[in-house]
Amino acid sequence: MEINEQANSEVVYGRNAVTELIKGAEAVDTLYVSGDPNDKALGYIVSIAKEKGAVIKQAPASKLQKLCGSERHQGVAVFATLCEYCELDDIFNTAAEKGEAPFIIIADGIEDPHNLGAIIRTAECVGAHGLIIPKRHGGSVTSAVHRTSAGAISHLNVMRAVNLASVIREIKERGVFCYCADADGKNCYGCNLTGASALVIGSEGYGVSRLVRDLCDVVVSLPMKGEINSLNASVAAGVLMYEIRRQRDIKER
């Protein structure tokens, strides 16, 4: 069979990523499937895709491999618009609808799709209300990001900021306290991280940009007790996000 790429979309493959994308989508155009029709996991994906109006097409494994550029497609692939970027108000509205103080993650200059995808996955897991990325000098939501996020991107507000500094000024005006993650900051375990908050994470190569750092209210760090004095950006982000989550949960008890 012939598989034609669709305009303005990218291919997503892998069972977890495809499942979460379909569950979070308003509609799905075409789902490509290869494998045993009696496979229950595959059958579930097909059933939820049909509920979203998808056309189901059988394709040999070789075609899926060519389409995905990988053997790790797990017998399923879908073309989709990966992310409908939101506005800042959407993030604040999500927090208000949940009756929670805003919890925002800002990725400053993180271009590696695996780091960005991992940050998105953790942000969704900790209950963050949105992620803000710069339109320039930063990654966008690609199929690799979607796959690394394990589909979490389908459940998280993502905003692309033309001017990250301006957005930070605005969220501060709206009562959000901004924390910048950097190795020379205050030990995060001694900081009060409750309340409306935004956590800024920089790239591994350059960290948070000087202008953005200067706009933040506090610079925080993680204690390093080993011989290596730094963490992968997504790992550091994950630890800090869960410390914010921990402190919030204690305050709410």
Foldseek 3Di string as FASTA:
>chain_A
DDDDADPLWAKAADLLLLQLLLVLDQAFEEKEFEDDCPPVSVVVSVVSNVVRVYDYHYDYLVVVCVRVVHSRRVGIMGIDNQADADDPVQLVVQCVVVVHAAEEEEEELAAPLLLLLLLLLLCLVLPHSAYEYEPPNYHDDHSSSSVNVSSSNSVHHYHYHPDPLVVLVVVVVVPEAEEEEDLPFAALVPDQLEGHYYYYFYAPVPTHDPSNVVSHDGYYYHDDDDPDRDDHRSVRSNVNSVVSSVSHVVVVD
